[in-house]
Amino acid sequence: MRRRLLSALRGVNGDRPLVKLGQVSPVMPVDNLAPEILRPPYAVTGIDPNSGNSYSLFALGSKELEKMRDACAHARETLEYAGSLVKPGVTTDEIDRKVFEHVVARKIYPSPLGYRGFPKSLCPSINE
């Protein structure tokens, strides 16, 4: 299987594979998160109990709107922070670990972590 994958990666860039195959590192530890960090329903099982349900649109009240603005501000800050870490030689594992620490320091659960078994706090994509 690995040989077939390596073979598929050759050709576009001469005899050198486009990417260096690696291994997925261990799952980020969620058991030792601070208790005040709210965990989504999928944090333990990997399954969102609401997945597939239909949702209806509703108007946000002032409190909900303020929470939405706060969440968007945190998302923007985290995205900017993650982008600042991207440099040649920095692994996606290093970026993931630092983003994980950045998010939980703000008492926020990293939403990709555990969703349908996803093992990391973000989903980076490498480019050559």
Foldseek 3Di string as FASTA:
>chain_A
DVVVVLVVQADVVHRDGQDDDDDDDFFDDPVPQPPLQDDAPQQPPLEHPCPPPDDDDDDDDPVRVVVVVVVVVVVVVLVVVLVVQDDPPDDPVNSQVVSCVVQSVVSYHLVVDRNNHDRTSDDDDDGD
